[in-house]
Amino acid sequence: MNTFTKSKPSLRRPALAILLGSPLVALGCVSPSAPPAPPSGGHTLALSYAQFQASVEPVLVRQGCDAGGDCHGGGPRGAFELSPAGAKDVAFDFDQVSMQVNPAQPDSSRILTKPLALAAGGVPHGVKVFASTADSDYVAIRGWILAGVTP
């Protein structure tokens, strides 16, 4: 006997039942239901370029975030790069900083937590420019974020 043509009947029946649309296969099925409603709520992010230019970009420059070398202006080192001090491109910086904003949890935005002291709720980062959430530069960046987040 040819072993390729002979197979166990128990293995052929389920495959055959599926192909033929056997009612045995559909015993546990029900008719299709309407798709679930899309999620509601959430937050919309509409950050102001003008406010960024007036209150956030000066913080980045003053704190040296755009410096060369190991800082964010010396070339790509990770996910966050700013235009270098000698060739400022505020639109590029706006786009880069905007990607560091978490609209669902604004206070967890990387642009706030990375430079914040660990004791004040920050996360690991080479330079800690904000000692606390009361720092005026921290407050300026946070204000820009909060102004752009709407529920």
N, C-alpha and C. Protein backbone atom coordinates (compact mmCIF):
# COMPACT_ATOMS: atom_id res chain seq x y z
N MET A 1 0.82 -1.18 0.00
CA MET A 1 0.00 0.00 0.00
C MET A 1 0.86 1.25 0.00
N ASN A 2 0.41 2.23 -0.69
CA ASN A 2 1.12 3.50 -0.74
C ASN A 2 0.83 4.29 0.54
N THR A 3 1.86 4.65 1.27
CA THR A 3 1.66 5.34 2.55
C THR A 3 1.21 6.78 2.36
N PHE A 4 1.36 7.32 1.15
CA PHE A 4 0.96 8.70 0.93
C PHE A 4 -0.53 8.83 0.69
N THR A 5 -1.20 7.79 0.25
CA THR A 5 -2.62 7.88 -0.03
C THR A 5 -3.45 7.41 1.15
N LYS A 6 -2.86 6.69 2.04
CA LYS A 6 -3.61 6.20 3.18
C LYS A 6 -3.34 7.11 4.38
N SER A 7 -4.39 7.61 4.95
CA SER A 7 -4.27 8.41 6.17
C SER A 7 -5.36 7.97 7.12
N LYS A 8 -5.21 8.38 8.32
CA LYS A 8 -6.18 7.98 9.33
C LYS A 8 -7.51 8.69 9.07
N PRO A 9 -8.60 7.99 9.10
CA PRO A 9 -9.90 8.62 8.85
C PRO A 9 -10.20 9.75 9.85
N SER A 10 -9.74 9.61 11.07
CA SER A 10 -10.05 10.62 12.09
C SER A 10 -9.40 11.96 11.76
N LEU A 11 -8.32 11.96 10.99
CA LEU A 11 -7.66 13.20 10.61
C LEU A 11 -8.31 13.83 9.39
N ARG A 12 -8.94 12.99 8.55
CA ARG A 12 -9.56 13.51 7.34
C ARG A 12 -10.90 14.15 7.62
N ARG A 13 -11.65 13.67 8.56
CA ARG A 13 -13.02 14.16 8.80
C ARG A 13 -13.07 15.63 9.21
N PRO A 14 -12.27 16.09 10.18
CA PRO A 14 -12.36 17.52 10.54
C PRO A 14 -12.00 18.42 9.37
N ALA A 15 -10.98 18.06 8.61
CA ALA A 15 -10.61 18.88 7.46
C ALA A 15 -11.72 18.87 6.43
N LEU A 16 -12.31 17.72 6.18
CA LEU A 16 -13.40 17.61 5.22
C LEU A 16 -14.61 18.39 5.72
N ALA A 17 -14.90 18.33 7.00
CA ALA A 17 -16.03 19.04 7.57
C ALA A 17 -15.86 20.55 7.44
N ILE A 18 -14.66 21.02 7.62
CA ILE A 18 -14.39 22.45 7.47
C ILE A 18 -14.60 22.87 6.03
N LEU A 19 -14.07 22.08 5.10
CA LEU A 19 -14.20 22.40 3.69
C LEU A 19 -15.65 22.39 3.22
N LEU A 20 -16.43 21.48 3.75
CA LEU A 20 -17.82 21.35 3.32
C LEU A 20 -18.78 22.19 4.14
N GLY A 21 -18.30 22.85 5.16
CA GLY A 21 -19.17 23.68 5.99
C GLY A 21 -20.11 22.84 6.83
N SER A 22 -19.62 21.77 7.33
CA SER A 22 -20.42 20.84 8.10
C SER A 22 -21.03 21.52 9.32
N PRO A 23 -22.30 21.20 9.64
CA PRO A 23 -22.92 21.76 10.85
C PRO A 23 -22.20 21.30 12.12
N LEU A 24 -21.45 20.20 12.04
CA LEU A 24 -20.71 19.75 13.21
C LEU A 24 -19.67 20.78 13.63
N VAL A 25 -19.10 21.47 12.66
CA VAL A 25 -18.08 22.47 12.95
C VAL A 25 -18.72 23.73 13.52
N ALA A 26 -19.93 24.05 13.11
CA ALA A 26 -20.57 25.30 13.48
C ALA A 26 -21.42 25.19 14.74
N LEU A 27 -21.38 24.10 15.44
CA LEU A 27 -22.24 23.94 16.61
C LEU A 27 -22.02 25.04 17.66
N GLY A 28 -20.80 25.48 17.87
CA GLY A 28 -20.53 26.49 18.88
C GLY A 28 -20.58 27.90 18.34
N CYS A 29 -20.84 28.07 17.07
CA CYS A 29 -20.83 29.40 16.46
C CYS A 29 -22.18 30.06 16.58
N VAL A 30 -22.17 31.34 16.59
CA VAL A 30 -23.40 32.12 16.58
C VAL A 30 -23.31 33.07 15.40
N SER A 31 -24.39 33.73 15.12
CA SER A 31 -24.37 34.67 13.99
C SER A 31 -23.46 35.84 14.34
N PRO A 32 -22.91 36.47 13.31
CA PRO A 32 -22.00 37.60 13.56
C PRO A 32 -22.72 38.73 14.29
N SER A 33 -21.99 39.40 15.12
CA SER A 33 -22.55 40.54 15.84
C SER A 33 -21.96 41.83 15.27
N ALA A 34 -22.55 42.92 15.63
CA ALA A 34 -22.05 44.23 15.19
C ALA A 34 -20.68 44.47 15.82
N PRO A 35 -19.81 45.15 15.12
CA PRO A 35 -18.49 45.44 15.71
C PRO A 35 -18.65 46.34 16.92
N PRO A 36 -17.71 46.25 17.86
CA PRO A 36 -17.81 47.09 19.05
C PRO A 36 -17.63 48.57 18.67
N ALA A 37 -18.19 49.42 19.47
CA ALA A 37 -18.06 50.86 19.25
C ALA A 37 -16.61 51.26 19.44
N PRO A 38 -16.13 52.24 18.69
CA PRO A 38 -14.74 52.68 18.88
C PRO A 38 -14.58 53.28 20.27
N PRO A 39 -13.35 53.26 20.78
CA PRO A 39 -13.13 53.81 22.11
C PRO A 39 -13.46 55.30 22.13
N SER A 40 -13.95 55.74 23.24
CA SER A 40 -14.26 57.15 23.37
C SER A 40 -13.32 57.76 24.40
N GLY A 41 -13.40 59.03 24.52
CA GLY A 41 -12.55 59.72 25.48
C GLY A 41 -11.18 59.96 24.90
N GLY A 42 -10.19 59.86 25.71
CA GLY A 42 -8.84 60.12 25.25
C GLY A 42 -8.52 61.61 25.32
N HIS A 43 -7.35 61.94 24.86
CA HIS A 43 -6.90 63.32 24.91
C HIS A 43 -6.42 63.75 23.54
N THR A 44 -6.66 65.00 23.23
CA THR A 44 -6.20 65.59 22.00
C THR A 44 -4.98 66.45 22.32
N LEU A 45 -3.99 66.39 21.45
CA LEU A 45 -2.77 67.16 21.65
C LEU A 45 -2.66 68.20 20.54
N ALA A 46 -2.71 69.46 20.93
CA ALA A 46 -2.57 70.58 19.98
C ALA A 46 -1.62 71.59 20.62
N LEU A 47 -0.33 71.28 20.54
CA LEU A 47 0.68 72.13 21.16
C LEU A 47 0.90 73.40 20.35
N SER A 48 1.09 74.50 21.05
CA SER A 48 1.27 75.80 20.41
C SER A 48 2.73 76.02 20.03
N TYR A 49 2.95 76.25 18.74
CA TYR A 49 4.30 76.56 18.27
C TYR A 49 4.75 77.91 18.83
N ALA A 50 3.86 78.90 18.82
CA ALA A 50 4.21 80.23 19.32
C ALA A 50 4.60 80.18 20.79
N GLN A 51 3.84 79.43 21.58
CA GLN A 51 4.16 79.31 23.01
C GLN A 51 5.47 78.55 23.19
N PHE A 52 5.71 77.54 22.37
CA PHE A 52 6.97 76.81 22.44
C PHE A 52 8.13 77.76 22.17
N GLN A 53 8.00 78.54 21.11
CA GLN A 53 9.06 79.46 20.70
C GLN A 53 9.33 80.50 21.79
N ALA A 54 8.28 80.95 22.47
CA ALA A 54 8.43 82.00 23.48
C ALA A 54 8.86 81.48 24.84
N SER A 55 8.41 80.29 25.22
CA SER A 55 8.68 79.86 26.60
C SER A 55 9.45 78.56 26.76
N VAL A 56 9.45 77.68 25.77
CA VAL A 56 10.14 76.40 25.92
C VAL A 56 11.52 76.41 25.28
N GLU A 57 11.61 76.89 24.05
CA GLU A 57 12.91 76.94 23.36
C GLU A 57 13.95 77.70 24.19
N PRO A 58 13.59 78.84 24.80
CA PRO A 58 14.58 79.53 25.63
C PRO A 58 15.08 78.68 26.81
N VAL A 59 14.22 77.84 27.36
CA VAL A 59 14.63 76.95 28.45
C VAL A 59 15.65 75.95 27.94
N LEU A 60 15.39 75.37 26.78
CA LEU A 60 16.30 74.37 26.20
C LEU A 60 17.68 74.99 25.93
N VAL A 61 17.68 76.21 25.43
CA VAL A 61 18.93 76.90 25.14
C VAL A 61 19.64 77.28 26.44
N ARG A 62 18.90 77.87 27.37
CA ARG A 62 19.48 78.31 28.65
C ARG A 62 20.07 77.13 29.44
N GLN A 63 19.41 75.98 29.39
CA GLN A 63 19.87 74.82 30.14
C GLN A 63 20.96 74.04 29.39
N GLY A 64 21.24 74.44 28.15
CA GLY A 64 22.30 73.78 27.39
C GLY A 64 21.90 72.44 26.79
N CYS A 65 20.60 72.21 26.66
CA CYS A 65 20.13 70.94 26.11
C CYS A 65 20.56 70.75 24.66
N ASP A 66 20.81 71.86 23.97
CA ASP A 66 21.19 71.81 22.56
C ASP A 66 22.70 71.84 22.36
N ALA A 67 23.45 71.64 23.43
CA ALA A 67 24.91 71.69 23.35
C ALA A 67 25.45 70.50 22.57
N GLY A 68 26.65 70.64 22.07
CA GLY A 68 27.30 69.55 21.33
C GLY A 68 27.76 68.46 22.27
N GLY A 69 28.50 67.53 21.74
CA GLY A 69 29.04 66.44 22.56
C GLY A 69 27.97 65.44 22.93
N ASP A 70 27.84 65.16 24.20
CA ASP A 70 26.89 64.15 24.67
C ASP A 70 25.48 64.68 24.86
N CYS A 71 25.26 65.96 24.62
CA CYS A 71 23.93 66.52 24.77
C CYS A 71 23.10 66.30 23.51
N HIS A 72 21.94 66.88 23.45
CA HIS A 72 21.00 66.60 22.37
C HIS A 72 21.24 67.39 21.09
N GLY A 73 22.25 68.27 21.07
CA GLY A 73 22.52 69.03 19.86
C GLY A 73 23.76 68.58 19.12
N GLY A 74 24.42 67.55 19.61
CA GLY A 74 25.67 67.10 19.00
C GLY A 74 25.52 65.98 18.01
N GLY A 75 24.35 65.69 17.56
CA GLY A 75 24.13 64.58 16.63
C GLY A 75 23.27 63.53 17.28
N PRO A 76 22.79 62.59 16.51
CA PRO A 76 21.86 61.59 17.07
C PRO A 76 22.54 60.65 18.06
N ARG A 77 21.98 60.56 19.24
CA ARG A 77 22.44 59.64 20.27
C ARG A 77 21.30 58.75 20.72
N GLY A 78 20.14 59.12 20.40
CA GLY A 78 18.98 58.37 20.86
C GLY A 78 17.76 58.89 20.14
N ALA A 79 16.66 58.89 20.81
CA ALA A 79 15.41 59.29 20.18
C ALA A 79 15.16 60.79 20.25
N PHE A 80 15.97 61.54 20.99
CA PHE A 80 15.70 62.96 21.19
C PHE A 80 16.90 63.79 20.74
N GLU A 81 16.70 64.57 19.70
CA GLU A 81 17.77 65.41 19.17
C GLU A 81 17.23 66.81 18.99
N LEU A 82 18.04 67.80 19.31
CA LEU A 82 17.68 69.20 19.10
C LEU A 82 18.64 69.82 18.10
N SER A 83 18.20 70.91 17.47
CA SER A 83 19.11 71.59 16.55
C SER A 83 20.28 72.15 17.36
N PRO A 84 21.48 72.14 16.79
CA PRO A 84 22.65 72.59 17.54
C PRO A 84 22.62 74.10 17.80
N ALA A 85 23.32 74.50 18.84
CA ALA A 85 23.32 75.89 19.27
C ALA A 85 23.71 76.85 18.16
N GLY A 86 24.63 76.49 17.29
CA GLY A 86 25.08 77.37 16.23
C GLY A 86 24.17 77.43 15.02
N ALA A 87 23.18 76.57 14.97
CA ALA A 87 22.27 76.53 13.82
C ALA A 87 20.86 76.21 14.29
N LYS A 88 20.29 77.11 15.09
CA LYS A 88 18.97 76.85 15.67
C LYS A 88 17.89 76.71 14.61
N ASP A 89 17.08 75.68 14.77
CA ASP A 89 15.92 75.44 13.91
C ASP A 89 14.77 75.16 14.87
N VAL A 90 14.04 76.22 15.21
CA VAL A 90 12.99 76.12 16.22
C VAL A 90 11.90 75.15 15.77
N ALA A 91 11.58 75.13 14.50
CA ALA A 91 10.54 74.20 14.02
C ALA A 91 10.97 72.75 14.23
N PHE A 92 12.25 72.45 13.96
CA PHE A 92 12.77 71.10 14.19
C PHE A 92 12.70 70.77 15.68
N ASP A 93 13.12 71.71 16.53
CA ASP A 93 13.08 71.49 17.97
C ASP A 93 11.65 71.28 18.46
N PHE A 94 10.71 72.06 17.93
CA PHE A 94 9.29 71.90 18.29
C PHE A 94 8.83 70.48 17.99
N ASP A 95 9.15 70.00 16.79
CA ASP A 95 8.74 68.64 16.42
C ASP A 95 9.37 67.60 17.34
N GLN A 96 10.65 67.76 17.64
CA GLN A 96 11.35 66.80 18.50
C GLN A 96 10.78 66.80 19.93
N VAL A 97 10.57 67.98 20.48
CA VAL A 97 10.05 68.08 21.85
C VAL A 97 8.60 67.58 21.90
N SER A 98 7.83 67.88 20.87
CA SER A 98 6.43 67.43 20.84
C SER A 98 6.33 65.91 20.92
N MET A 99 7.31 65.21 20.36
CA MET A 99 7.30 63.75 20.42
C MET A 99 7.62 63.24 21.82
N GLN A 100 8.08 64.11 22.69
CA GLN A 100 8.41 63.72 24.06
C GLN A 100 7.24 63.99 25.02
N VAL A 101 6.08 64.37 24.47
CA VAL A 101 4.90 64.71 25.28
C VAL A 101 3.94 63.54 25.30
N ASN A 102 3.43 63.24 26.49
CA ASN A 102 2.44 62.18 26.68
C ASN A 102 1.09 62.84 26.96
N PRO A 103 0.19 62.93 25.97
CA PRO A 103 -1.07 63.63 26.20
C PRO A 103 -1.98 62.95 27.22
N ALA A 104 -1.88 61.64 27.36
CA ALA A 104 -2.72 60.92 28.31
C ALA A 104 -2.27 61.16 29.75
N GLN A 105 -0.97 61.35 29.96
CA GLN A 105 -0.42 61.61 31.29
C GLN A 105 0.64 62.70 31.15
N PRO A 106 0.22 63.95 31.04
CA PRO A 106 1.16 65.04 30.77
C PRO A 106 2.35 65.11 31.73
N ASP A 107 2.11 64.85 33.01
CA ASP A 107 3.21 64.92 33.97
C ASP A 107 4.22 63.79 33.81
N SER A 108 3.88 62.78 33.00
CA SER A 108 4.81 61.68 32.72
C SER A 108 5.56 61.90 31.42
N SER A 109 5.39 63.04 30.80
CA SER A 109 6.07 63.34 29.54
C SER A 109 7.57 63.31 29.75
N ARG A 110 8.28 62.69 28.82
CA ARG A 110 9.74 62.54 28.93
C ARG A 110 10.45 63.88 29.01
N ILE A 111 9.92 64.91 28.36
CA ILE A 111 10.55 66.22 28.39
C ILE A 111 10.50 66.81 29.81
N LEU A 112 9.62 66.30 30.65
CA LEU A 112 9.55 66.73 32.05
C LEU A 112 10.29 65.77 32.98
N THR A 113 10.18 64.48 32.75
CA THR A 113 10.74 63.52 33.70
C THR A 113 12.23 63.27 33.53
N LYS A 114 12.75 63.35 32.31
CA LYS A 114 14.18 63.09 32.10
C LYS A 114 15.07 64.10 32.82
N PRO A 115 14.82 65.41 32.68
CA PRO A 115 15.71 66.36 33.36
C PRO A 115 15.34 66.65 34.82
N LEU A 116 14.33 65.98 35.34
CA LEU A 116 13.88 66.20 36.72
C LEU A 116 14.67 65.31 37.68
N ALA A 117 15.04 65.88 38.82
CA ALA A 117 15.78 65.12 39.85
C ALA A 117 15.01 63.86 40.23
N LEU A 118 15.75 62.79 40.47
CA LEU A 118 15.12 61.51 40.84
C LEU A 118 14.25 61.66 42.08
N ALA A 119 14.72 62.41 43.06
CA ALA A 119 13.97 62.60 44.31
C ALA A 119 12.66 63.34 44.08
N ALA A 120 12.56 64.07 42.97
CA ALA A 120 11.34 64.82 42.67
C ALA A 120 10.43 64.07 41.71
N GLY A 121 10.79 62.83 41.37
CA GLY A 121 9.95 62.02 40.49
C GLY A 121 10.51 61.85 39.09
N GLY A 122 11.74 62.26 38.87
CA GLY A 122 12.36 62.12 37.56
C GLY A 122 12.79 60.70 37.28
N VAL A 123 13.27 60.49 36.07
CA VAL A 123 13.77 59.19 35.65
C VAL A 123 15.25 59.36 35.29
N PRO A 124 16.00 58.27 35.21
CA PRO A 124 17.44 58.38 34.94
C PRO A 124 17.75 59.19 33.67
N HIS A 125 18.72 60.06 33.80
CA HIS A 125 19.18 60.93 32.72
C HIS A 125 20.52 61.48 33.15
N GLY A 126 21.41 61.70 32.22
CA GLY A 126 22.75 62.15 32.55
C GLY A 126 22.83 63.49 33.25
N VAL A 127 21.90 64.39 32.96
CA VAL A 127 21.93 65.73 33.55
C VAL A 127 20.56 66.01 34.17
N LYS A 128 20.59 66.48 35.39
CA LYS A 128 19.35 66.83 36.10
C LYS A 128 19.29 68.34 36.26
N VAL A 129 18.56 69.01 35.38
CA VAL A 129 18.52 70.47 35.42
C VAL A 129 17.41 71.02 36.30
N PHE A 130 16.41 70.20 36.61
CA PHE A 130 15.32 70.64 37.48
C PHE A 130 15.41 69.92 38.82
N ALA A 131 15.64 70.67 39.88
CA ALA A 131 15.73 70.08 41.21
C ALA A 131 14.35 69.67 41.72
N SER A 132 13.33 70.39 41.27
CA SER A 132 11.97 70.08 41.72
C SER A 132 10.96 70.52 40.66
N THR A 133 9.73 70.15 40.88
CA THR A 133 8.66 70.55 39.96
C THR A 133 8.29 72.02 40.14
N ALA A 134 8.87 72.68 41.12
CA ALA A 134 8.62 74.11 41.33
C ALA A 134 9.61 74.98 40.54
N ASP A 135 10.62 74.38 39.92
CA ASP A 135 11.59 75.13 39.13
C ASP A 135 10.85 75.89 38.03
N SER A 136 11.17 77.16 37.84
CA SER A 136 10.44 78.00 36.87
C SER A 136 10.54 77.47 35.44
N ASP A 137 11.67 76.89 35.07
CA ASP A 137 11.81 76.33 33.72
C ASP A 137 10.95 75.07 33.56
N TYR A 138 10.90 74.26 34.59
CA TYR A 138 10.02 73.08 34.58
C TYR A 138 8.57 73.52 34.43
N VAL A 139 8.19 74.54 35.20
CA VAL A 139 6.82 75.06 35.18
C VAL A 139 6.48 75.60 33.77
N ALA A 140 7.44 76.24 33.11
CA ALA A 140 7.20 76.77 31.77
C ALA A 140 6.92 75.65 30.77
N ILE A 141 7.70 74.60 30.82
CA ILE A 141 7.50 73.47 29.90
C ILE A 141 6.19 72.76 30.21
N ARG A 142 5.92 72.55 31.48
CA ARG A 142 4.68 71.89 31.89
C ARG A 142 3.46 72.72 31.47
N GLY A 143 3.55 74.03 31.62
CA GLY A 143 2.45 74.91 31.22
C GLY A 143 2.16 74.81 29.73
N TRP A 144 3.22 74.74 28.92
CA TRP A 144 3.06 74.58 27.47
C TRP A 144 2.35 73.26 27.16
N ILE A 145 2.76 72.20 27.85
CA ILE A 145 2.13 70.90 27.62
C ILE A 145 0.66 70.94 28.01
N LEU A 146 0.37 71.42 29.21
CA LEU A 146 -1.00 71.43 29.70
C LEU A 146 -1.91 72.30 28.82
N ALA A 147 -1.37 73.38 28.28
CA ALA A 147 -2.17 74.23 27.40
C ALA A 147 -2.53 73.53 26.10
N GLY A 148 -1.74 72.54 25.72
CA GLY A 148 -1.99 71.83 24.46
C GLY A 148 -2.77 70.54 24.58
N VAL A 149 -3.05 70.11 25.80
CA VAL A 149 -3.76 68.85 26.01
C VAL A 149 -5.19 69.15 26.38
N THR A 150 -6.12 68.59 25.60
CA THR A 150 -7.55 68.73 25.93
C THR A 150 -8.18 67.35 26.02
N PRO A 151 -9.02 67.16 27.03
CA PRO A 151 -9.71 65.85 27.15
C PRO A 151 -10.79 65.69 26.12
